[in-house]
Amino acid sequence: MDIAITGDPLVDCDSYRIAQALGNLVRNAVQHGEGAVGVCARCQEQQVTVEVHNGAAPIPQEAMATLFYPFSRRDEGTTGLGLGLHIVQAIVRAHGGTVGVSSSLKEGTTFEMCWAKAHSRSDDVLWRRGPTPPVTPTP
């Protein structure tokens, strides 16, 4: 896996939920992709952009319209419920952001999450979940 971070990574967000969204995208990239998975975070003055890229065969155009729908699975051979991308979209929208995807034979597949670096917190359930649990390193 290739990881690149540019800019100041201090961001106002629910880090547990953003990690969940990123984990969903990386898991999909590994499961459906070929070769190395790339993760790139660009932290600009006003905005954060996180991209997850793989060299997968392109996502069929007819699947793009329903990709973020709940229970939408691209590959029937997988064991997931088809909720991963829907959850990613819900988390990023709760942060006032957007999720996009580009996919071509030449460029591979890239999912992009963007949100403002600082924003006002709403009464959304996302912010009422309490403190973020500590991260425990794995041996």
C-alpha atoms as a PDB file:
ATOM      1  CA  MET A   1       0.000   0.000   0.000  1.00  0.00           C
ATOM      2  CA  ASP A   2       1.257   3.450  -0.897  1.00  0.00           C
ATOM      3  CA  ILE A   3       0.313   6.281   1.472  1.00  0.00           C
ATOM      4  CA  ALA A   4       0.956   9.988   0.922  1.00  0.00           C
ATOM      5  CA  ILE A   5      -0.107  12.910   3.118  1.00  0.00           C
ATOM      6  CA  THR A   6       0.453  16.550   2.204  1.00  0.00           C
ATOM      7  CA  GLY A   7      -0.361  19.607   4.290  1.00  0.00           C
ATOM      8  CA  ASP A   8      -1.359  19.978   7.914  1.00  0.00           C
ATOM      9  CA  PRO A   9      -3.379  16.862   8.858  1.00  0.00           C
ATOM     10  CA  LEU A  10      -5.064  18.510  11.877  1.00  0.00           C
ATOM     11  CA  VAL A  11      -8.743  18.275  10.941  1.00  0.00           C
ATOM     12  CA  ASP A  12     -12.021  18.894  12.774  1.00  0.00           C
ATOM     13  CA  CYS A  13     -13.827  15.580  12.330  1.00  0.00           C
ATOM     14  CA  ASP A  14     -15.061  12.477  14.054  1.00  0.00           C
ATOM     15  CA  SER A  15     -11.822  10.557  13.579  1.00  0.00           C
ATOM     16  CA  TYR A  16     -13.430   7.208  14.407  1.00  0.00           C
ATOM     17  CA  ARG A  17     -16.045   7.613  11.667  1.00  0.00           C
ATOM     18  CA  ILE A  18     -13.565   8.970   9.106  1.00  0.00           C
ATOM     19  CA  ALA A  19     -11.312   5.986   9.851  1.00  0.00           C
ATOM     20  CA  GLN A  20     -14.331   3.724   9.295  1.00  0.00           C
ATOM     21  CA  ALA A  21     -15.029   5.375   5.919  1.00  0.00           C
ATOM     22  CA  LEU A  22     -11.382   5.123   4.887  1.00  0.00           C
ATOM     23  CA  GLY A  23     -11.264   1.491   6.016  1.00  0.00           C
ATOM     24  CA  ASN A  24     -14.325   0.688   3.896  1.00  0.00           C
ATOM     25  CA  LEU A  25     -12.715   2.250   0.824  1.00  0.00           C
ATOM     26  CA  VAL A  26      -9.378   0.495   1.369  1.00  0.00           C
ATOM     27  CA  ARG A  27     -11.109  -2.846   1.963  1.00  0.00           C
ATOM     28  CA  ASN A  28     -13.019  -2.436  -1.316  1.00  0.00           C
ATOM     29  CA  ALA A  29      -9.856  -1.428  -3.161  1.00  0.00           C
ATOM     30  CA  VAL A  30      -8.040  -4.546  -1.936  1.00  0.00           C
ATOM     31  CA  GLN A  31     -11.014  -6.831  -2.566  1.00  0.00           C
ATOM     32  CA  HIS A  32     -11.890  -5.563  -6.045  1.00  0.00           C
ATOM     33  CA  GLY A  33      -8.534  -4.244  -7.240  1.00  0.00           C
ATOM     34  CA  GLU A  34      -5.303  -5.431  -8.692  1.00  0.00           C
ATOM     35  CA  GLY A  35      -1.821  -4.420  -7.607  1.00  0.00           C
ATOM     36  CA  ALA A  36      -0.981  -1.784  -5.027  1.00  0.00           C
ATOM     37  CA  VAL A  37      -3.624   0.309  -3.310  1.00  0.00           C
ATOM     38  CA  GLY A  38      -2.803   3.999  -3.004  1.00  0.00           C
ATOM     39  CA  VAL A  39      -4.093   6.353  -0.326  1.00  0.00           C
ATOM     40  CA  CYS A  40      -3.475  10.071  -0.717  1.00  0.00           C
ATOM     41  CA  ALA A  41      -4.591  12.760   1.745  1.00  0.00           C
ATOM     42  CA  ARG A  42      -4.289  16.410   0.764  1.00  0.00           C
ATOM     43  CA  CYS A  43      -4.907  18.788   3.639  1.00  0.00           C
ATOM     44  CA  GLN A  44      -5.295  22.273   2.242  1.00  0.00           C
ATOM     45  CA  GLU A  45      -6.097  25.430   4.158  1.00  0.00           C
ATOM     46  CA  GLN A  46      -9.882  25.047   3.866  1.00  0.00           C
ATOM     47  CA  GLN A  47     -10.459  21.481   2.671  1.00  0.00           C
ATOM     48  CA  VAL A  48      -9.375  17.888   3.154  1.00  0.00           C
ATOM     49  CA  THR A  49      -9.340  15.455   0.236  1.00  0.00           C
ATOM     50  CA  VAL A  50      -8.666  11.752   0.712  1.00  0.00           C
ATOM     51  CA  GLU A  51      -8.342   9.473  -2.303  1.00  0.00           C
ATOM     52  CA  VAL A  52      -8.150   5.682  -2.447  1.00  0.00           C
ATOM     53  CA  HIS A  53      -6.929   4.267  -5.761  1.00  0.00           C
ATOM     54  CA  ASN A  54      -6.511   0.803  -7.228  1.00  0.00           C
ATOM     55  CA  GLY A  55      -5.771  -0.698 -10.614  1.00  0.00           C
ATOM     56  CA  ALA A  56      -9.061  -2.526 -10.922  1.00  0.00           C
ATOM     57  CA  ALA A  57     -10.957  -3.127 -14.096  1.00  0.00           C
ATOM     58  CA  PRO A  58     -13.296  -0.172 -14.524  1.00  0.00           C
ATOM     59  CA  ILE A  59     -16.608  -0.106 -12.728  1.00  0.00           C
ATOM     60  CA  PRO A  60     -19.300  -0.604 -15.371  1.00  0.00           C
ATOM     61  CA  GLN A  61     -21.033   2.664 -16.257  1.00  0.00           C
ATOM     62  CA  GLU A  62     -24.472   1.184 -15.496  1.00  0.00           C
ATOM     63  CA  ALA A  63     -23.309   0.368 -11.939  1.00  0.00           C
ATOM     64  CA  MET A  64     -22.131   3.934 -11.226  1.00  0.00           C
ATOM     65  CA  ALA A  65     -25.671   5.279 -10.700  1.00  0.00           C
ATOM     66  CA  THR A  66     -26.398   2.871  -7.831  1.00  0.00           C
ATOM     67  CA  LEU A  67     -22.910   2.430  -6.407  1.00  0.00           C
ATOM     68  CA  PHE A  68     -23.686   4.259  -3.135  1.00  0.00           C
ATOM     69  CA  TYR A  69     -27.151   2.756  -2.658  1.00  0.00           C
ATOM     70  CA  PRO A  70     -27.596   0.478   0.375  1.00  0.00           C
ATOM     71  CA  PHE A  71     -27.348  -3.230  -0.388  1.00  0.00           C
ATOM     72  CA  SER A  72     -25.782  -2.490  -3.770  1.00  0.00           C
ATOM     73  CA  ARG A  73     -23.091  -5.040  -4.566  1.00  0.00           C
ATOM     74  CA  ARG A  74     -20.978  -4.973  -7.690  1.00  0.00           C
ATOM     75  CA  ASP A  75     -19.746  -8.520  -7.371  1.00  0.00           C
ATOM     76  CA  GLU A  76     -22.165 -11.228  -6.305  1.00  0.00           C
ATOM     77  CA  GLY A  77     -19.193 -13.426  -5.338  1.00  0.00           C
ATOM     78  CA  THR A  78     -18.414 -11.248  -2.307  1.00  0.00           C
ATOM     79  CA  THR A  79     -19.648 -11.873   1.206  1.00  0.00           C
ATOM     80  CA  GLY A  80     -20.457  -8.258   2.119  1.00  0.00           C
ATOM     81  CA  LEU A  81     -23.942  -6.833   2.457  1.00  0.00           C
ATOM     82  CA  GLY A  82     -23.355  -3.979   0.030  1.00  0.00           C
ATOM     83  CA  LEU A  83     -23.418  -1.305   2.729  1.00  0.00           C
ATOM     84  CA  GLY A  84     -19.772  -0.167   2.701  1.00  0.00           C
ATOM     85  CA  LEU A  85     -20.013   2.628   0.119  1.00  0.00           C
ATOM     86  CA  HIS A  86     -23.389   3.747   1.477  1.00  0.00           C
ATOM     87  CA  ILE A  87     -21.801   4.097   4.927  1.00  0.00           C
ATOM     88  CA  VAL A  88     -18.846   6.013   3.448  1.00  0.00           C
ATOM     89  CA  GLN A  89     -21.228   8.453   1.797  1.00  0.00           C
ATOM     90  CA  ALA A  90     -23.297   8.903   4.987  1.00  0.00           C
ATOM     91  CA  ILE A  91     -20.195   9.619   7.095  1.00  0.00           C
ATOM     92  CA  VAL A  92     -18.740  12.114   4.639  1.00  0.00           C
ATOM     93  CA  ARG A  93     -22.107  13.867   4.162  1.00  0.00           C
ATOM     94  CA  ALA A  94     -22.451  14.145   7.950  1.00  0.00           C
ATOM     95  CA  HIS A  95     -19.159  16.056   7.819  1.00  0.00           C
ATOM     96  CA  GLY A  96     -20.647  18.374   5.171  1.00  0.00           C
ATOM     97  CA  GLY A  97     -18.619  16.740   2.415  1.00  0.00           C
ATOM     98  CA  THR A  98     -18.917  14.786  -0.793  1.00  0.00           C
ATOM     99  CA  VAL A  99     -17.807  11.430  -2.146  1.00  0.00           C
ATOM    100  CA  GLY A 100     -17.000  10.796  -5.778  1.00  0.00           C
ATOM    101  CA  VAL A 101     -15.611   8.058  -7.971  1.00  0.00           C
ATOM    102  CA  SER A 102     -13.790   7.901 -11.273  1.00  0.00           C
ATOM    103  CA  SER A 103     -13.050   4.644 -13.032  1.00  0.00           C
ATOM    104  CA  SER A 104     -11.433   3.875 -16.371  1.00  0.00           C
ATOM    105  CA  LEU A 105      -9.364   1.134 -17.923  1.00  0.00           C
ATOM    106  CA  LYS A 106      -6.385   3.469 -18.324  1.00  0.00           C
ATOM    107  CA  GLU A 107      -6.484   5.192 -14.914  1.00  0.00           C
ATOM    108  CA  GLY A 108      -7.956   2.505 -12.655  1.00  0.00           C
ATOM    109  CA  THR A 109     -10.520   3.363  -9.965  1.00  0.00           C
ATOM    110  CA  THR A 110     -10.306   6.256  -7.510  1.00  0.00           C
ATOM    111  CA  PHE A 111     -12.750   7.103  -4.731  1.00  0.00           C
ATOM    112  CA  GLU A 112     -12.447  10.636  -3.366  1.00  0.00           C
ATOM    113  CA  MET A 113     -13.786  11.994  -0.063  1.00  0.00           C
ATOM    114  CA  CYS A 114     -13.758  15.793   0.474  1.00  0.00           C
ATOM    115  CA  TRP A 115     -14.895  17.903   3.402  1.00  0.00           C
ATOM    116  CA  ALA A 116     -14.137  21.284   4.934  1.00  0.00           C
ATOM    117  CA  LYS A 117     -11.268  21.334   7.412  1.00  0.00           C
ATOM    118  CA  ALA A 118     -13.357  23.153   9.993  1.00  0.00           C
ATOM    119  CA  HIS A 119     -17.127  23.284  10.166  1.00  0.00           C
ATOM    120  CA  SER A 120     -19.901  23.780  12.658  1.00  0.00           C
ATOM    121  CA  ARG A 121     -21.113  20.592  14.220  1.00  0.00           C
ATOM    122  CA  SER A 122     -24.764  19.810  13.715  1.00  0.00           C
ATOM    123  CA  ASP A 123     -27.102  17.874  15.965  1.00  0.00           C
ATOM    124  CA  ASP A 124     -26.460  14.886  13.735  1.00  0.00           C
ATOM    125  CA  VAL A 125     -26.105  11.577  15.548  1.00  0.00           C
ATOM    126  CA  LEU A 126     -22.518  11.465  14.300  1.00  0.00           C
ATOM    127  CA  TRP A 127     -21.494  14.075  16.866  1.00  0.00           C
ATOM    128  CA  ARG A 128     -23.506  12.601  19.739  1.00  0.00           C
ATOM    129  CA  ARG A 129     -21.673   9.293  19.822  1.00  0.00           C
ATOM    130  CA  GLY A 130     -19.266  10.364  22.538  1.00  0.00           C
ATOM    131  CA  PRO A 131     -15.483  10.348  22.721  1.00  0.00           C
ATOM    132  CA  THR A 132     -13.433   8.554  20.132  1.00  0.00           C
ATOM    133  CA  PRO A 133     -12.100   5.236  21.443  1.00  0.00           C
ATOM    134  CA  PRO A 134      -8.316   5.017  21.758  1.00  0.00           C
ATOM    135  CA  VAL A 135      -6.372   3.297  19.006  1.00  0.00           C
ATOM    136  CA  THR A 136      -4.592   0.185  20.228  1.00  0.00           C
ATOM    137  CA  PRO A 137      -1.501  -0.805  18.243  1.00  0.00           C
ATOM    138  CA  THR A 138      -1.429  -4.365  16.995  1.00  0.00           C
ATOM    139  CA  PRO A 139       1.631  -6.462  17.807  1.00  0.00           C
END
